C-alpha atoms as a PDB file:
ATOM      1  CA  UNK A   1      24.598  20.460 -32.670  1.00  0.00           C
ATOM      2  CA  UNK A   2      20.995  19.823 -31.101  1.00  0.00           C
ATOM      3  CA  UNK A   3      18.854  22.657 -32.480  1.00  0.00           C
ATOM      4  CA  UNK A   4      15.854  24.608 -31.096  1.00  0.00           C
ATOM      5  CA  UNK A   5      13.238  22.209 -32.012  1.00  0.00           C
ATOM      6  CA  UNK A   6      14.723  19.722 -30.130  1.00  0.00           C
ATOM      7  CA  UNK A   7      14.549  21.714 -26.889  1.00  0.00           C
ATOM      8  CA  UNK A   8      11.096  19.955 -25.851  1.00  0.00           C
ATOM      9  CA  UNK A   9      12.482  16.040 -26.483  1.00  0.00           C
ATOM     10  CA  UNK A  10      15.434  16.680 -24.511  1.00  0.00           C
ATOM     11  CA  UNK A  11      13.600  16.913 -20.938  1.00  0.00           C
ATOM     12  CA  UNK A  12      13.668  13.143 -19.111  1.00  0.00           C
ATOM     13  CA  UNK A  13      15.887  11.923 -22.176  1.00  0.00           C
ATOM     14  CA  UNK A  14      18.072   8.700 -21.857  1.00  0.00           C
ATOM     15  CA  UNK A  15      21.941  10.146 -21.926  1.00  0.00           C
ATOM     16  CA  UNK A  16      24.695   7.362 -23.274  1.00  0.00           C
ATOM     17  CA  UNK A  17      28.114   7.916 -23.723  1.00  0.00           C
ATOM     18  CA  UNK A  18      30.822   7.731 -26.124  1.00  0.00           C
ATOM     19  CA  UNK A  19      31.353   4.076 -24.594  1.00  0.00           C
ATOM     20  CA  UNK A  20      27.899   2.828 -25.307  1.00  0.00           C
ATOM     21  CA  UNK A  21      27.102   2.899 -21.298  1.00  0.00           C
ATOM     22  CA  UNK A  22      24.088   4.656 -19.965  1.00  0.00           C
ATOM     23  CA  UNK A  23      25.077   7.753 -18.064  1.00  0.00           C
ATOM     24  CA  UNK A  24      21.740   8.876 -16.714  1.00  0.00           C
ATOM     25  CA  UNK A  25      18.714  10.789 -17.633  1.00  0.00           C
ATOM     26  CA  UNK A  26      18.262  14.494 -18.257  1.00  0.00           C
ATOM     27  CA  UNK A  27      17.108  16.691 -15.634  1.00  0.00           C
ATOM     28  CA  UNK A  28      17.466  20.548 -16.862  1.00  0.00           C
ATOM     29  CA  UNK A  29      17.893  21.855 -20.155  1.00  0.00           C
ATOM     30  CA  UNK A  30      20.317  24.961 -20.481  1.00  0.00           C
ATOM     31  CA  UNK A  31      19.467  27.251 -23.534  1.00  0.00           C
ATOM     32  CA  UNK A  32      22.188  29.701 -25.088  1.00  0.00           C
ATOM     33  CA  UNK A  33      21.054  33.573 -24.323  1.00  0.00           C
ATOM     34  CA  UNK A  34      21.814  34.531 -28.091  1.00  0.00           C
ATOM     35  CA  UNK A  35      19.861  32.311 -30.428  1.00  0.00           C
ATOM     36  CA  UNK A  36      18.112  29.489 -27.890  1.00  0.00           C
ATOM     37  CA  UNK A  37      20.142  26.454 -29.031  1.00  0.00           C
ATOM     38  CA  UNK A  38      20.278  24.164 -26.121  1.00  0.00           C
ATOM     39  CA  UNK A  39      23.856  24.277 -25.257  1.00  0.00           C
ATOM     40  CA  UNK A  40      23.927  22.069 -21.743  1.00  0.00           C
ATOM     41  CA  UNK A  41      22.432  19.712 -20.049  1.00  0.00           C
ATOM     42  CA  UNK A  42      22.237  18.340 -16.427  1.00  0.00           C
ATOM     43  CA  UNK A  43      22.545  14.301 -16.033  1.00  0.00           C
ATOM     44  CA  UNK A  44      21.027  12.665 -13.334  1.00  0.00           C
ATOM     45  CA  UNK A  45      23.398  10.260 -12.208  1.00  0.00           C
ATOM     46  CA  UNK A  46      24.425   8.064  -8.598  1.00  0.00           C
ATOM     47  CA  UNK A  47      22.568   6.303  -6.591  1.00  0.00           C
ATOM     48  CA  UNK A  48      18.791   6.866  -7.213  1.00  0.00           C
ATOM     49  CA  UNK A  49      19.848   9.712  -9.721  1.00  0.00           C
ATOM     50  CA  UNK A  50      20.717  12.139  -6.646  1.00  0.00           C
ATOM     51  CA  UNK A  51      23.804  13.835  -8.602  1.00  0.00           C
ATOM     52  CA  UNK A  52      23.128  15.969 -11.600  1.00  0.00           C
ATOM     53  CA  UNK A  53      26.803  16.704 -14.097  1.00  0.00           C
ATOM     54  CA  UNK A  54      26.670  19.302 -16.197  1.00  0.00           C
ATOM     55  CA  UNK A  55      27.597  17.654 -19.994  1.00  0.00           C
ATOM     56  CA  UNK A  56      27.781  20.364 -23.337  1.00  0.00           C
ATOM     57  CA  UNK A  57      25.662  19.415 -26.373  1.00  0.00           C
ATOM     58  CA  UNK A  58      28.468  20.493 -28.610  1.00  0.00           C
ATOM     59  CA  UNK A  59      29.336  17.159 -30.391  1.00  0.00           C
ATOM     60  CA  UNK A  60      26.243  15.701 -28.456  1.00  0.00           C
ATOM     61  CA  UNK A  61      23.512  14.196 -31.040  1.00  0.00           C
ATOM     62  CA  UNK A  62      19.636  13.617 -30.265  1.00  0.00           C
ATOM     63  CA  UNK A  63      17.682  10.264 -31.360  1.00  0.00           C
ATOM     64  CA  UNK A  64      14.185  10.220 -30.269  1.00  0.00           C
ATOM     65  CA  UNK A  65      13.920   9.739 -26.470  1.00  0.00           C
ATOM     66  CA  UNK A  66      17.833   9.012 -26.232  1.00  0.00           C
ATOM     67  CA  UNK A  67      21.015  11.616 -26.441  1.00  0.00           C
ATOM     68  CA  UNK A  68      24.551  10.162 -26.929  1.00  0.00           C
ATOM     69  CA  UNK A  69      26.880  12.940 -26.014  1.00  0.00           C
ATOM     70  CA  UNK A  70      30.866  13.086 -27.129  1.00  0.00           C
ATOM     71  CA  UNK A  71      32.075  11.868 -23.886  1.00  0.00           C
ATOM     72  CA  UNK A  72      32.214   8.638 -21.785  1.00  0.00           C
ATOM     73  CA  UNK A  73      30.246   7.916 -18.722  1.00  0.00           C
ATOM     74  CA  UNK A  74      33.070   8.353 -16.027  1.00  0.00           C
ATOM     75  CA  UNK A  75      34.162  11.849 -17.529  1.00  0.00           C
ATOM     76  CA  UNK A  76      30.334  13.122 -16.989  1.00  0.00           C
ATOM     77  CA  UNK A  77      30.173  11.683 -13.769  1.00  0.00           C
ATOM     78  CA  UNK A  78      33.373  13.470 -12.529  1.00  0.00           C
ATOM     79  CA  UNK A  79      32.297  16.493 -13.934  1.00  0.00           C
ATOM     80  CA  UNK A  80      32.877  19.804 -11.694  1.00  0.00           C
ATOM     81  CA  UNK A  81      29.812  20.284  -8.865  1.00  0.00           C
ATOM     82  CA  UNK A  82      27.531  23.552  -9.932  1.00  0.00           C
ATOM     83  CA  UNK A  83      24.243  24.064  -8.136  1.00  0.00           C
ATOM     84  CA  UNK A  84      21.389  23.813 -10.899  1.00  0.00           C
ATOM     85  CA  UNK A  85      18.949  25.899  -9.118  1.00  0.00           C
ATOM     86  CA  UNK A  86      20.023  29.089 -11.680  1.00  0.00           C
ATOM     87  CA  UNK A  87      21.649  30.415 -14.511  1.00  0.00           C
ATOM     88  CA  UNK A  88      25.218  29.575 -15.474  1.00  0.00           C
ATOM     89  CA  UNK A  89      27.198  32.301 -14.763  1.00  0.00           C
ATOM     90  CA  UNK A  90      30.625  32.965 -17.110  1.00  0.00           C
ATOM     91  CA  UNK A  91      32.871  31.852 -14.797  1.00  0.00           C
ATOM     92  CA  UNK A  92      30.899  28.197 -14.150  1.00  0.00           C
ATOM     93  CA  UNK A  93      30.678  27.615 -17.911  1.00  0.00           C
ATOM     94  CA  UNK A  94      34.083  28.589 -18.731  1.00  0.00           C
ATOM     95  CA  UNK A  95      35.301  26.046 -15.504  1.00  0.00           C
ATOM     96  CA  UNK A  96      32.790  23.160 -17.344  1.00  0.00           C
ATOM     97  CA  UNK A  97      33.904  24.074 -20.617  1.00  0.00           C
ATOM     98  CA  UNK A  98      38.289  23.944 -19.475  1.00  0.00           C
ATOM     99  CA  UNK A  99      37.276  20.443 -17.471  1.00  0.00           C
ATOM    100  CA  UNK A 100      35.592  19.267 -21.266  1.00  0.00           C
ATOM    101  CA  UNK A 101      38.637  20.527 -22.714  1.00  0.00           C
ATOM    102  CA  UNK A 102      36.512  22.345 -25.321  1.00  0.00           C
ATOM    103  CA  UNK A 103      36.081  25.899 -26.294  1.00  0.00           C
ATOM    104  CA  UNK A 104      39.253  26.544 -24.093  1.00  0.00           C
ATOM    105  CA  UNK A 105      37.127  29.248 -21.608  1.00  0.00           C
ATOM    106  CA  UNK A 106      35.519  30.689 -24.693  1.00  0.00           C
ATOM    107  CA  UNK A 107      31.564  30.380 -24.439  1.00  0.00           C
ATOM    108  CA  UNK A 108      29.032  32.150 -26.665  1.00  0.00           C
ATOM    109  CA  UNK A 109      27.802  34.244 -23.730  1.00  0.00           C
ATOM    110  CA  UNK A 110      31.380  36.209 -22.522  1.00  0.00           C
ATOM    111  CA  UNK A 111      34.754  36.219 -23.382  1.00  0.00           C
ATOM    112  CA  UNK A 112      36.006  35.119 -20.323  1.00  0.00           C
ATOM    113  CA  UNK A 113      39.567  34.482 -18.684  1.00  0.00           C
ATOM    114  CA  UNK A 114      41.390  31.702 -17.983  1.00  0.00           C
ATOM    115  CA  UNK A 115      42.045  31.573 -14.454  1.00  0.00           C
ATOM    116  CA  UNK A 116      43.081  28.044 -14.017  1.00  0.00           C
ATOM    117  CA  UNK A 117      46.116  26.377 -15.231  1.00  0.00           C
ATOM    118  CA  UNK A 118      45.952  24.384 -18.721  1.00  0.00           C
ATOM    119  CA  UNK A 119      45.955  20.693 -18.408  1.00  0.00           C
ATOM    120  CA  UNK A 120      43.814  21.052 -14.692  1.00  0.00           C
ATOM    121  CA  UNK A 121      40.746  20.446 -13.539  1.00  0.00           C
ATOM    122  CA  UNK A 122      38.815  22.073 -11.012  1.00  0.00           C
ATOM    123  CA  UNK A 123      40.761  21.157  -7.759  1.00  0.00           C
ATOM    124  CA  UNK A 124      43.892  21.692  -9.448  1.00  0.00           C
ATOM    125  CA  UNK A 125      44.636  18.268  -9.747  1.00  0.00           C
ATOM    126  CA  UNK A 126      45.930  16.793 -13.142  1.00  0.00           C
ATOM    127  CA  UNK A 127      42.681  14.924 -14.822  1.00  0.00           C
ATOM    128  CA  UNK A 128      44.401  13.548 -17.731  1.00  0.00           C
ATOM    129  CA  UNK A 129      44.319   9.842 -17.189  1.00  0.00           C
ATOM    130  CA  UNK A 130      41.942  10.487 -14.370  1.00  0.00           C
ATOM    131  CA  UNK A 131      44.099   8.577 -11.854  1.00  0.00           C
ATOM    132  CA  UNK A 132      43.267   8.342  -8.228  1.00  0.00           C
ATOM    133  CA  UNK A 133      44.193  11.451  -6.357  1.00  0.00           C
ATOM    134  CA  UNK A 134      44.966  12.131  -2.643  1.00  0.00           C
ATOM    135  CA  UNK A 135      44.280  15.270  -0.659  1.00  0.00           C
ATOM    136  CA  UNK A 136      46.162  16.751   1.873  1.00  0.00           C
ATOM    137  CA  UNK A 137      43.974  15.098   4.593  1.00  0.00           C
ATOM    138  CA  UNK A 138      44.946  11.661   3.260  1.00  0.00           C
ATOM    139  CA  UNK A 139      41.787  10.992   1.830  1.00  0.00           C
ATOM    140  CA  UNK A 140      41.719   8.699  -1.472  1.00  0.00           C
ATOM    141  CA  UNK A 141      39.707   9.968  -4.105  1.00  0.00           C
ATOM    142  CA  UNK A 142      37.201  13.191  -4.327  1.00  0.00           C
ATOM    143  CA  UNK A 143      33.738  13.637  -3.697  1.00  0.00           C
ATOM    144  CA  UNK A 144      31.265  13.867  -6.639  1.00  0.00           C
ATOM    145  CA  UNK A 145      28.034  13.970  -4.950  1.00  0.00           C
ATOM    146  CA  UNK A 146      28.070  17.291  -2.812  1.00  0.00           C
ATOM    147  CA  UNK A 147      29.463  19.300  -0.381  1.00  0.00           C
ATOM    148  CA  UNK A 148      27.766  17.616   2.260  1.00  0.00           C
ATOM    149  CA  UNK A 149      29.433  14.066   2.489  1.00  0.00           C
ATOM    150  CA  UNK A 150      32.638  12.742   3.676  1.00  0.00           C
ATOM    151  CA  UNK A 151      35.238  10.220   2.253  1.00  0.00           C
ATOM    152  CA  UNK A 152      32.825   7.102   2.927  1.00  0.00           C
ATOM    153  CA  UNK A 153      29.248   6.203   2.270  1.00  0.00           C
ATOM    154  CA  UNK A 154      26.725   4.893   4.901  1.00  0.00           C
ATOM    155  CA  UNK A 155      24.956   2.010   3.687  1.00  0.00           C
ATOM    156  CA  UNK A 156      21.496   1.434   6.088  1.00  0.00           C
ATOM    157  CA  UNK A 157      19.435  -1.302   6.085  1.00  0.00           C
ATOM    158  CA  UNK A 158      15.876  -1.659   7.622  1.00  0.00           C
ATOM    159  CA  UNK A 159      14.962  -4.537  10.099  1.00  0.00           C
ATOM    160  CA  UNK A 160      11.526  -5.851  11.310  1.00  0.00           C
ATOM    161  CA  UNK A 161      10.734  -4.991  15.140  1.00  0.00           C
ATOM    162  CA  UNK A 162       8.300  -7.747  15.745  1.00  0.00           C
ATOM    163  CA  UNK A 163       5.889  -7.320  19.223  1.00  0.00           C
ATOM    164  CA  UNK A 164       2.573  -8.553  20.243  1.00  0.00           C
ATOM    165  CA  UNK A 165      -0.301  -6.858  21.344  1.00  0.00           C
ATOM    166  CA  UNK A 166      -3.680  -8.823  23.073  1.00  0.00           C
ATOM    167  CA  UNK A 167      -6.830  -8.559  21.420  1.00  0.00           C
ATOM    168  CA  UNK A 168     -10.394  -9.779  21.516  1.00  0.00           C
ATOM    169  CA  UNK A 169     -10.996 -13.154  19.366  1.00  0.00           C
ATOM    170  CA  UNK A 170     -14.060 -14.393  21.281  1.00  0.00           C
ATOM    171  CA  UNK A 171     -16.194 -14.591  23.923  1.00  0.00           C
ATOM    172  CA  UNK A 172     -18.004 -18.052  26.277  1.00  0.00           C
ATOM    173  CA  UNK A 173     -20.566 -17.925  28.507  1.00  0.00           C
ATOM    174  CA  UNK A 174     -22.209 -20.527  30.346  1.00  0.00           C
ATOM    175  CA  UNK A 175     -26.184 -20.871  30.060  1.00  0.00           C
ATOM    176  CA  UNK A 176     -28.485 -23.427  31.839  1.00  0.00           C
ATOM    177  CA  UNK A 177     -31.574 -24.763  30.135  1.00  0.00           C
ATOM    178  CA  UNK A 178     -33.980 -27.607  31.093  1.00  0.00           C
ATOM    179  CA  UNK A 179     -35.021 -30.560  28.629  1.00  0.00           C
ATOM    180  CA  UNK A 180     -37.222 -33.532  29.471  1.00  0.00           C
ATOM    181  CA  UNK A 181     -36.721 -37.180  28.979  1.00  0.00           C
ATOM    182  CA  UNK A 182     -38.127 -40.181  29.802  1.00  0.00           C
ATOM    183  CA  UNK A 183     -37.047 -42.462  32.708  1.00  0.00           C
ATOM    184  CA  UNK A 184     -38.381 -46.215  33.381  1.00  0.00           C
ATOM    185  CA  UNK A 185     -37.930 -47.623  37.056  1.00  0.00           C
ATOM    186  CA  UNK A 186     -39.296 -51.298  37.841  1.00  0.00           C
ATOM    187  CA  UNK A 187     -40.989 -51.112  41.206  1.00  0.00           C
ATOM    188  CA  UNK A 188     -42.427 -54.094  43.019  1.00  0.00           C
ATOM    189  CA  UNK A 189     -46.081 -54.029  43.690  1.00  0.00           C
ATOM    190  CA  UNK A 190     -48.597 -56.562  45.800  1.00  0.00           C
ATOM    191  CA  UNK A 191     -52.126 -57.570  45.137  1.00  0.00           C
ATOM    192  CA  UNK A 192     -54.588 -59.726  46.653  1.00  0.00           C
ATOM    193  CA  UNK A 193     -56.005 -62.643  44.908  1.00  0.00           C
ATOM    194  CA  UNK A 194     -59.431 -64.496  45.904  1.00  0.00           C
ATOM    195  CA  UNK A 195     -58.454 -68.364  46.050  1.00  0.00           C
ATOM    196  CA  UNK A 196     -61.566 -71.186  46.716  1.00  0.00           C
ATOM    197  CA  UNK A 197     -60.358 -73.815  49.332  1.00  0.00           C
ATOM    198  CA  UNK A 198     -62.506 -76.265  49.968  1.00  0.00           C
ATOM    199  CA  UNK A 199     -61.455 -79.054  52.947  1.00  0.00           C
ATOM    200  CA  UNK A 200     -63.422 -82.630  54.200  1.00  0.00           C
ATOM    201  CA  UNK A 201     -65.349 -83.189  57.144  1.00  0.00           C
ATOM    202  CA  UNK A 202     -63.496 -84.399  59.671  1.00  0.00           C
ATOM    203  CA  UNK A 203     -63.463 -84.733  63.601  1.00  0.00           C
ATOM    204  CA  UNK A 204     -61.628 -81.211  64.071  1.00  0.00           C
ATOM    205  CA  UNK A 205     -64.129 -79.433  62.414  1.00  0.00           C
ATOM    206  CA  UNK A 206     -67.346 -81.105  62.438  1.00  0.00           C
ATOM    207  CA  UNK A 207     -68.485 -78.532  65.594  1.00  0.00           C
ATOM    208  CA  UNK A 208     -68.197 -75.576  62.930  1.00  0.00           C
ATOM    209  CA  UNK A 209     -69.995 -77.626  60.193  1.00  0.00           C
ATOM    210  CA  UNK A 210     -73.048 -78.467  62.667  1.00  0.00           C
ATOM    211  CA  UNK A 211     -73.115 -74.812  64.033  1.00  0.00           C
ATOM    212  CA  UNK A 212     -76.037 -73.163  62.621  1.00  0.00           C
ATOM    213  CA  UNK A 213     -79.331 -74.187  60.849  1.00  0.00           C
ATOM    214  CA  UNK A 214     -78.995 -77.854  58.812  1.00  0.00           C
ATOM    215  CA  UNK A 215     -80.268 -75.912  55.711  1.00  0.00           C
ATOM    216  CA  UNK A 216     -79.970 -72.334  55.009  1.00  0.00           C
ATOM    217  CA  UNK A 217     -78.810 -69.426  52.574  1.00  0.00           C
ATOM    218  CA  UNK A 218     -76.045 -67.267  53.345  1.00  0.00           C
ATOM    219  CA  UNK A 219     -73.057 -64.631  52.282  1.00  0.00           C
ATOM    220  CA  UNK A 220     -69.278 -64.423  52.492  1.00  0.00           C
ATOM    221  CA  UNK A 221     -67.648 -61.419  51.395  1.00  0.00           C
ATOM    222  CA  UNK A 222     -64.068 -61.130  50.879  1.00  0.00           C
ATOM    223  CA  UNK A 223     -62.374 -57.278  50.566  1.00  0.00           C
ATOM    224  CA  UNK A 224     -59.363 -57.421  48.008  1.00  0.00           C
ATOM    225  CA  UNK A 225     -56.930 -54.963  47.822  1.00  0.00           C
ATOM    226  CA  UNK A 226     -53.914 -54.126  45.634  1.00  0.00           C
ATOM    227  CA  UNK A 227     -50.351 -51.951  45.702  1.00  0.00           C
ATOM    228  CA  UNK A 228     -50.142 -49.430  42.700  1.00  0.00           C
ATOM    229  CA  UNK A 229     -46.690 -47.261  42.224  1.00  0.00           C
ATOM    230  CA  UNK A 230     -46.544 -43.415  43.564  1.00  0.00           C
ATOM    231  CA  UNK A 231     -44.315 -41.103  41.818  1.00  0.00           C
ATOM    232  CA  UNK A 232     -43.046 -38.116  43.221  1.00  0.00           C
ATOM    233  CA  UNK A 233     -39.944 -35.876  42.209  1.00  0.00           C
ATOM    234  CA  UNK A 234     -37.059 -34.084  43.976  1.00  0.00           C
ATOM    235  CA  UNK A 235     -34.367 -32.404  42.672  1.00  0.00           C
ATOM    236  CA  UNK A 236     -30.779 -33.176  43.780  1.00  0.00           C
ATOM    237  CA  UNK A 237     -27.411 -31.466  42.709  1.00  0.00           C
ATOM    238  CA  UNK A 238     -25.100 -33.702  40.230  1.00  0.00           C
ATOM    239  CA  UNK A 239     -22.428 -31.590  39.513  1.00  0.00           C
ATOM    240  CA  UNK A 240     -20.352 -28.084  39.683  1.00  0.00           C
ATOM    241  CA  UNK A 241     -19.248 -26.311  36.407  1.00  0.00           C
ATOM    242  CA  UNK A 242     -17.737 -23.018  35.976  1.00  0.00           C
ATOM    243  CA  UNK A 243     -15.558 -21.391  33.355  1.00  0.00           C
ATOM    244  CA  UNK A 244     -11.850 -21.056  33.728  1.00  0.00           C
ATOM    245  CA  UNK A 245      -9.218 -19.327  31.188  1.00  0.00           C
ATOM    246  CA  UNK A 246      -6.038 -21.045  30.046  1.00  0.00           C
ATOM    247  CA  UNK A 247      -2.887 -19.810  28.298  1.00  0.00           C
ATOM    248  CA  UNK A 248      -1.661 -21.633  25.266  1.00  0.00           C
ATOM    249  CA  UNK A 249       1.830 -20.528  23.853  1.00  0.00           C
ATOM    250  CA  UNK A 250       2.091 -21.376  20.281  1.00  0.00           C
ATOM    251  CA  UNK A 251       4.586 -19.834  17.536  1.00  0.00           C
ATOM    252  CA  UNK A 252       3.609 -17.554  14.414  1.00  0.00           C
ATOM    253  CA  UNK A 253       5.642 -16.724  11.505  1.00  0.00           C
ATOM    254  CA  UNK A 254       5.739 -13.196  10.898  1.00  0.00           C
ATOM    255  CA  UNK A 255       7.408 -11.742   7.294  1.00  0.00           C
ATOM    256  CA  UNK A 256       7.107  -8.348   6.027  1.00  0.00           C
ATOM    257  CA  UNK A 257       9.540  -6.855   3.092  1.00  0.00           C
ATOM    258  CA  UNK A 258      12.239  -4.642   4.284  1.00  0.00           C
ATOM    259  CA  UNK A 259      14.758  -2.091   2.466  1.00  0.00           C
ATOM    260  CA  UNK A 260      18.640  -2.184   2.275  1.00  0.00           C
ATOM    261  CA  UNK A 261      21.032  -0.530   0.547  1.00  0.00           C
ATOM    262  CA  UNK A 262      23.703  -1.910  -1.387  1.00  0.00           C
ATOM    263  CA  UNK A 263      27.040  -0.020  -2.338  1.00  0.00           C
ATOM    264  CA  UNK A 264      29.106  -1.320  -5.740  1.00  0.00           C
ATOM    265  CA  UNK A 265      32.243  -0.035  -7.180  1.00  0.00           C
ATOM    266  CA  UNK A 266      31.784   1.278 -10.581  1.00  0.00           C
ATOM    267  CA  UNK A 267      35.310   1.901 -12.539  1.00  0.00           C
ATOM    268  CA  UNK A 268      36.091   2.038 -16.170  1.00  0.00           C
ATOM    269  CA  UNK A 269      38.400  -1.091 -15.997  1.00  0.00           C
ATOM    270  CA  UNK A 270      41.569   0.218 -16.603  1.00  0.00           C
ATOM    271  CA  UNK A 271      42.502   0.538 -12.945  1.00  0.00           C
ATOM    272  CA  UNK A 272      43.722  -1.875 -10.611  1.00  0.00           C
ATOM    273  CA  UNK A 273      41.000  -2.622  -7.996  1.00  0.00           C
ATOM    274  CA  UNK A 274      41.676  -4.482  -4.483  1.00  0.00           C
ATOM    275  CA  UNK A 275      38.644  -5.002  -2.552  1.00  0.00           C
ATOM    276  CA  UNK A 276      38.739  -5.459   1.531  1.00  0.00           C
ATOM    277  CA  UNK A 277      36.026  -6.642   3.295  1.00  0.00           C
ATOM    278  CA  UNK A 278      36.185  -5.658   7.021  1.00  0.00           C
ATOM    279  CA  UNK A 279      34.537  -8.314   9.489  1.00  0.00           C
ATOM    280  CA  UNK A 280      31.793  -6.733  11.436  1.00  0.00           C
END
């Protein structure tokens, strides 16, 4: 028997059965009203520990943060479902003692009476050997997780719902500015140069040659000119530039974590099990 000095260490302890399998963890500890020694604990079982089963500590042993009870895993998981939100009533304790086959309804808190037929469980169905049972409605087995469930489990899973949203990613604008560069253009230009010509006296020009004094001083002048490049500028349109948008489509991979439930079958290895998978 586990003594009062072990009460604190029982909370959250791991519970193992006689078969060595882990049953679950301790949820609540119930102590005897007369001397305060722990007499019952609830064990969290089922998926995510949502179910709690009562198990007596009469033949249990505690070692550190583990408890070994005198029953196997399936015996504890199939125990009668009793609310864990208050103290055990004498009737509920008698019901549990009859299920586990100890005390025969004699508890330390009351004498009690045996309202159930010997050799039957709390549903009235023989539990020796724990064979599969069928209710009057034709449902195979019996519920061990609570009164609000039916004969089947619903398995759910999450899926990614992917959509798109339009967000601003950038901005573009046209800006015009002036730069200066050198241009070289070749332009043909004319200039006048002096050329000295000498001609001999002939019959054709003898008259011009004798016109005037025989000996005198004279000056002749020629005006020279030339062309020079003249540069002017004018602005001429060369092209039109505008901004436009086009839509480009590409594929992007999106990933995310999703959860899904798994359902597994637990049996004690002594039953013949046929698994059928329906195509959906």
